[in-house]
N, C-alpha and C. Protein backbone atom coordinates (compact mmCIF):
# COMPACT_ATOMS: atom_id res chain seq x y z
N UNK A 1 0.85 -1.16 0.00
CA UNK A 1 0.00 0.00 0.00
C UNK A 1 0.90 1.23 0.00
N UNK A 2 0.59 2.18 -0.85
CA UNK A 2 1.42 3.38 -0.96
C UNK A 2 1.25 4.29 0.26
N UNK A 3 2.23 5.13 0.48
CA UNK A 3 2.20 6.07 1.59
C UNK A 3 1.00 7.02 1.47
N UNK A 4 0.69 7.43 0.25
CA UNK A 4 -0.45 8.31 0.02
C UNK A 4 -1.75 7.66 0.51
N UNK A 5 -1.95 6.40 0.14
CA UNK A 5 -3.16 5.67 0.55
C UNK A 5 -3.19 5.49 2.06
N UNK A 6 -2.06 5.14 2.66
CA UNK A 6 -2.00 4.99 4.12
C UNK A 6 -2.38 6.28 4.81
N UNK A 7 -1.87 7.41 4.31
CA UNK A 7 -2.20 8.71 4.90
C UNK A 7 -3.68 9.02 4.75
N UNK A 8 -4.27 8.65 3.62
CA UNK A 8 -5.70 8.86 3.40
C UNK A 8 -6.53 8.04 4.39
N UNK A 9 -6.14 6.79 4.58
CA UNK A 9 -6.87 5.91 5.50
C UNK A 9 -6.74 6.43 6.93
N UNK A 10 -5.54 6.83 7.31
CA UNK A 10 -5.34 7.33 8.67
C UNK A 10 -6.16 8.61 8.88
N UNK A 11 -6.21 9.47 7.89
CA UNK A 11 -7.02 10.69 7.98
C UNK A 11 -8.50 10.33 8.15
N UNK A 12 -8.94 9.31 7.44
CA UNK A 12 -10.32 8.84 7.56
C UNK A 12 -10.58 8.33 8.98
N UNK A 13 -9.64 7.56 9.53
CA UNK A 13 -9.78 7.06 10.90
C UNK A 13 -9.88 8.22 11.89
N UNK A 14 -9.04 9.23 11.70
CA UNK A 14 -9.05 10.38 12.62
C UNK A 14 -10.40 11.07 12.61
N UNK A 15 -11.02 11.19 11.44
CA UNK A 15 -12.35 11.81 11.35
C UNK A 15 -13.41 10.89 11.96
N UNK A 16 -13.33 9.61 11.62
CA UNK A 16 -14.33 8.64 12.07
C UNK A 16 -14.33 8.48 13.59
N UNK A 17 -13.15 8.47 14.19
CA UNK A 17 -13.04 8.21 15.62
C UNK A 17 -12.84 9.48 16.44
N UNK A 18 -13.05 10.65 15.83
CA UNK A 18 -12.95 11.91 16.55
C UNK A 18 -13.98 11.94 17.68
N UNK A 19 -13.52 12.12 18.89
CA UNK A 19 -14.41 12.17 20.04
C UNK A 19 -14.72 10.81 20.65
N UNK A 20 -14.29 9.74 20.00
CA UNK A 20 -14.52 8.39 20.54
C UNK A 20 -13.40 8.07 21.52
N UNK A 21 -13.78 7.78 22.75
CA UNK A 21 -12.76 7.44 23.76
C UNK A 21 -12.93 6.03 24.29
N UNK A 22 -14.08 5.42 24.00
CA UNK A 22 -14.35 4.06 24.46
C UNK A 22 -14.91 3.25 23.30
N UNK A 23 -14.41 2.03 23.17
CA UNK A 23 -14.85 1.16 22.10
C UNK A 23 -14.57 -0.28 22.46
N UNK A 24 -15.16 -1.19 21.71
CA UNK A 24 -14.96 -2.63 21.89
C UNK A 24 -14.26 -3.13 20.63
N UNK A 25 -13.26 -3.99 20.80
CA UNK A 25 -12.55 -4.56 19.66
C UNK A 25 -12.91 -6.04 19.56
N UNK A 26 -13.35 -6.45 18.38
CA UNK A 26 -13.76 -7.84 18.17
C UNK A 26 -13.08 -8.40 16.91
N UNK A 27 -13.18 -9.70 16.75
CA UNK A 27 -12.70 -10.39 15.56
C UNK A 27 -13.91 -11.05 14.91
N UNK A 28 -14.20 -10.71 13.67
CA UNK A 28 -15.37 -11.25 13.00
C UNK A 28 -15.01 -12.37 12.01
N UNK A 29 -13.84 -12.94 12.17
CA UNK A 29 -13.43 -14.04 11.30
C UNK A 29 -14.44 -15.18 11.39
N UNK A 30 -14.84 -15.69 10.25
CA UNK A 30 -15.75 -16.82 10.22
C UNK A 30 -17.23 -16.44 10.15
N UNK A 31 -17.53 -15.17 10.26
CA UNK A 31 -18.92 -14.72 10.16
C UNK A 31 -19.23 -14.47 8.68
N UNK A 32 -20.30 -15.02 8.20
CA UNK A 32 -20.66 -14.86 6.78
C UNK A 32 -20.97 -13.40 6.46
N UNK A 33 -20.89 -13.09 5.18
CA UNK A 33 -21.19 -11.73 4.75
C UNK A 33 -22.60 -11.30 5.08
N UNK A 34 -23.55 -12.21 4.92
CA UNK A 34 -24.96 -11.90 5.23
C UNK A 34 -25.12 -11.62 6.72
N UNK A 35 -24.54 -12.49 7.55
CA UNK A 35 -24.63 -12.29 9.00
C UNK A 35 -23.96 -10.98 9.42
N UNK A 36 -22.84 -10.69 8.79
CA UNK A 36 -22.12 -9.45 9.09
C UNK A 36 -22.99 -8.24 8.76
N UNK A 37 -23.67 -8.27 7.61
CA UNK A 37 -24.54 -7.16 7.22
C UNK A 37 -25.72 -7.01 8.18
N UNK A 38 -26.29 -8.12 8.60
CA UNK A 38 -27.40 -8.07 9.56
C UNK A 38 -26.91 -7.48 10.89
N UNK A 39 -25.74 -7.93 11.34
CA UNK A 39 -25.12 -7.42 12.57
C UNK A 39 -24.92 -5.92 12.48
N UNK A 40 -24.34 -5.45 11.37
CA UNK A 40 -24.12 -4.01 11.17
C UNK A 40 -25.44 -3.24 11.19
N UNK A 41 -26.45 -3.79 10.52
CA UNK A 41 -27.75 -3.12 10.47
C UNK A 41 -28.39 -2.99 11.84
N UNK A 42 -28.30 -4.05 12.64
CA UNK A 42 -28.87 -4.00 13.99
C UNK A 42 -28.10 -3.02 14.87
N UNK A 43 -26.78 -2.98 14.70
CA UNK A 43 -25.99 -2.01 15.47
C UNK A 43 -26.37 -0.58 15.08
N UNK A 44 -26.54 -0.36 13.78
CA UNK A 44 -26.87 0.98 13.29
C UNK A 44 -28.20 1.47 13.86
N UNK A 45 -29.17 0.56 14.02
CA UNK A 45 -30.46 0.93 14.60
C UNK A 45 -30.30 1.47 16.02
N UNK A 46 -29.24 1.04 16.70
CA UNK A 46 -28.98 1.47 18.08
C UNK A 46 -27.90 2.53 18.14
N UNK A 47 -27.64 3.17 17.00
CA UNK A 47 -26.63 4.23 16.87
C UNK A 47 -25.23 3.73 17.26
N UNK A 48 -24.95 2.48 16.91
CA UNK A 48 -23.63 1.90 17.12
C UNK A 48 -23.02 1.63 15.75
N UNK A 49 -21.71 1.70 15.68
CA UNK A 49 -21.02 1.57 14.41
C UNK A 49 -19.94 0.52 14.49
N UNK A 50 -19.64 -0.09 13.35
CA UNK A 50 -18.63 -1.14 13.26
C UNK A 50 -17.66 -0.73 12.17
N UNK A 51 -16.36 -0.77 12.47
CA UNK A 51 -15.34 -0.39 11.48
C UNK A 51 -14.20 -1.40 11.49
N UNK A 52 -13.93 -1.98 10.32
CA UNK A 52 -12.77 -2.85 10.17
C UNK A 52 -11.57 -1.93 9.99
N UNK A 53 -10.51 -2.18 10.75
CA UNK A 53 -9.35 -1.27 10.72
C UNK A 53 -8.06 -2.00 10.40
N UNK A 54 -7.12 -1.25 9.86
CA UNK A 54 -5.76 -1.75 9.66
C UNK A 54 -5.01 -1.44 10.96
N UNK A 55 -4.47 -2.48 11.58
CA UNK A 55 -3.89 -2.35 12.92
C UNK A 55 -2.84 -1.25 13.04
N UNK A 56 -1.88 -1.22 12.14
CA UNK A 56 -0.79 -0.24 12.26
C UNK A 56 -1.32 1.19 12.15
N UNK A 57 -2.27 1.41 11.26
CA UNK A 57 -2.82 2.76 11.11
C UNK A 57 -3.72 3.13 12.27
N UNK A 58 -4.41 2.15 12.83
CA UNK A 58 -5.23 2.42 14.01
C UNK A 58 -4.35 2.79 15.20
N UNK A 59 -3.22 2.12 15.36
CA UNK A 59 -2.29 2.46 16.45
C UNK A 59 -1.81 3.89 16.30
N UNK A 60 -1.47 4.30 15.09
CA UNK A 60 -1.03 5.68 14.85
C UNK A 60 -2.14 6.68 15.17
N UNK A 61 -3.35 6.35 14.76
CA UNK A 61 -4.50 7.21 15.02
C UNK A 61 -4.73 7.36 16.53
N UNK A 62 -4.68 6.24 17.26
CA UNK A 62 -4.89 6.29 18.70
C UNK A 62 -3.79 7.10 19.39
N UNK A 63 -2.59 7.00 18.89
CA UNK A 63 -1.48 7.78 19.46
C UNK A 63 -1.76 9.27 19.29
N UNK A 64 -2.23 9.68 18.11
CA UNK A 64 -2.57 11.08 17.86
C UNK A 64 -3.72 11.55 18.75
N UNK A 65 -4.61 10.61 19.08
CA UNK A 65 -5.76 10.94 19.92
C UNK A 65 -5.42 10.93 21.41
N UNK A 66 -4.18 10.54 21.75
CA UNK A 66 -3.78 10.47 23.15
C UNK A 66 -4.23 9.19 23.83
N UNK A 67 -4.56 8.18 23.04
CA UNK A 67 -5.02 6.89 23.56
C UNK A 67 -4.04 5.78 23.18
N UNK A 68 -2.75 6.08 23.23
CA UNK A 68 -1.75 5.12 22.77
C UNK A 68 -1.78 3.79 23.52
N UNK A 69 -2.21 3.80 24.78
CA UNK A 69 -2.30 2.53 25.53
C UNK A 69 -3.31 1.58 24.91
N UNK A 70 -4.36 2.13 24.32
CA UNK A 70 -5.37 1.29 23.66
C UNK A 70 -4.80 0.64 22.40
N UNK A 71 -3.73 1.19 21.87
CA UNK A 71 -3.12 0.64 20.67
C UNK A 71 -2.54 -0.74 20.85
N UNK A 72 -2.31 -1.13 22.09
CA UNK A 72 -1.74 -2.45 22.37
C UNK A 72 -2.66 -3.57 21.90
N UNK A 73 -3.94 -3.31 21.81
CA UNK A 73 -4.91 -4.31 21.37
C UNK A 73 -4.73 -4.62 19.88
N UNK A 74 -4.28 -3.65 19.13
CA UNK A 74 -4.18 -3.76 17.68
C UNK A 74 -2.79 -4.24 17.26
N UNK A 75 -2.47 -5.48 17.61
CA UNK A 75 -1.16 -6.03 17.30
C UNK A 75 -1.18 -6.98 16.11
N UNK A 76 -2.09 -7.92 16.09
CA UNK A 76 -2.12 -8.88 14.99
C UNK A 76 -3.54 -9.38 14.78
N UNK A 77 -3.74 -9.92 13.61
CA UNK A 77 -5.05 -10.46 13.29
C UNK A 77 -6.05 -9.38 12.91
N UNK A 78 -7.18 -9.80 12.38
CA UNK A 78 -8.20 -8.83 11.98
C UNK A 78 -8.87 -8.20 13.20
N UNK A 79 -8.97 -6.89 13.19
CA UNK A 79 -9.61 -6.18 14.29
C UNK A 79 -10.76 -5.35 13.76
N UNK A 80 -11.87 -5.41 14.47
CA UNK A 80 -13.06 -4.64 14.15
C UNK A 80 -13.41 -3.82 15.38
N UNK A 81 -13.59 -2.52 15.18
CA UNK A 81 -13.91 -1.61 16.27
C UNK A 81 -15.42 -1.36 16.27
N UNK A 82 -16.04 -1.55 17.42
CA UNK A 82 -17.46 -1.28 17.58
C UNK A 82 -17.58 -0.14 18.59
N UNK A 83 -18.30 0.91 18.22
CA UNK A 83 -18.40 2.09 19.09
C UNK A 83 -19.75 2.77 18.89
N UNK A 84 -20.04 3.71 19.77
CA UNK A 84 -21.29 4.47 19.67
C UNK A 84 -22.26 4.10 20.77
N UNK A 85 -23.54 4.27 20.49
CA UNK A 85 -24.55 3.97 21.49
C UNK A 85 -24.48 4.97 22.63
N UNK A 86 -25.17 4.63 23.71
CA UNK A 86 -25.17 5.50 24.88
C UNK A 86 -23.90 5.35 25.70
N UNK A 87 -23.33 4.14 25.71
CA UNK A 87 -22.10 3.91 26.46
C UNK A 87 -21.40 2.67 25.92
N UNK A 88 -20.16 2.51 26.30
CA UNK A 88 -19.40 1.34 25.86
C UNK A 88 -19.98 0.07 26.49
N UNK A 89 -20.64 0.20 27.61
CA UNK A 89 -21.28 -0.96 28.25
C UNK A 89 -22.41 -1.48 27.36
N UNK A 90 -23.20 -0.56 26.80
CA UNK A 90 -24.27 -0.96 25.88
C UNK A 90 -23.69 -1.65 24.64
N UNK A 91 -22.58 -1.12 24.16
CA UNK A 91 -21.92 -1.72 23.00
C UNK A 91 -21.47 -3.14 23.34
N UNK A 92 -20.81 -3.30 24.49
CA UNK A 92 -20.32 -4.62 24.90
C UNK A 92 -21.47 -5.61 25.06
N UNK A 93 -22.57 -5.16 25.67
CA UNK A 93 -23.72 -6.04 25.85
C UNK A 93 -24.28 -6.49 24.51
N UNK A 94 -24.37 -5.58 23.57
CA UNK A 94 -24.89 -5.91 22.24
C UNK A 94 -23.96 -6.88 21.52
N UNK A 95 -22.66 -6.69 21.65
CA UNK A 95 -21.70 -7.60 21.03
C UNK A 95 -21.84 -9.01 21.63
N UNK A 96 -22.03 -9.09 22.94
CA UNK A 96 -22.20 -10.39 23.59
C UNK A 96 -23.47 -11.08 23.10
N UNK A 97 -24.54 -10.34 22.96
CA UNK A 97 -25.80 -10.92 22.46
C UNK A 97 -25.57 -11.52 21.07
N UNK A 98 -24.88 -10.78 20.22
CA UNK A 98 -24.64 -11.25 18.86
C UNK A 98 -23.62 -12.37 18.82
N UNK A 99 -22.65 -12.37 19.72
CA UNK A 99 -21.65 -13.45 19.77
C UNK A 99 -22.32 -14.79 20.04
N UNK A 100 -23.37 -14.75 20.84
CA UNK A 100 -24.11 -15.99 21.15
C UNK A 100 -24.87 -16.51 19.94
N UNK A 101 -25.22 -15.61 19.01
CA UNK A 101 -25.96 -16.02 17.82
C UNK A 101 -25.04 -16.65 16.77
N UNK A 102 -23.76 -16.30 16.80
CA UNK A 102 -22.81 -16.84 15.83
C UNK A 102 -22.10 -18.03 16.42
N UNK A 103 -21.80 -19.02 15.60
CA UNK A 103 -21.09 -20.21 16.08
C UNK A 103 -19.60 -19.95 16.06
């Protein structure tokens, strides 16, 4: 990936996560595309959002946001950030409900 593209993605992350200080990180490996779309739609109804991120760029974004300690989560493997709703507790509860639905 070119440096230009990486900078564009990081800029997008900075806009997307502006003001976000709490989030849940999950791995959606093995979830079908249809199930993933249903999951996203249900989250959206509750004003929650799901974003697949590139780990290295997310770490840089978190560092710029002053949340560099949270960057430790983004080391390897696919990471999906779930945020929004009324609180991170609501987000976590919703993720747990959906985790039980997926095998």
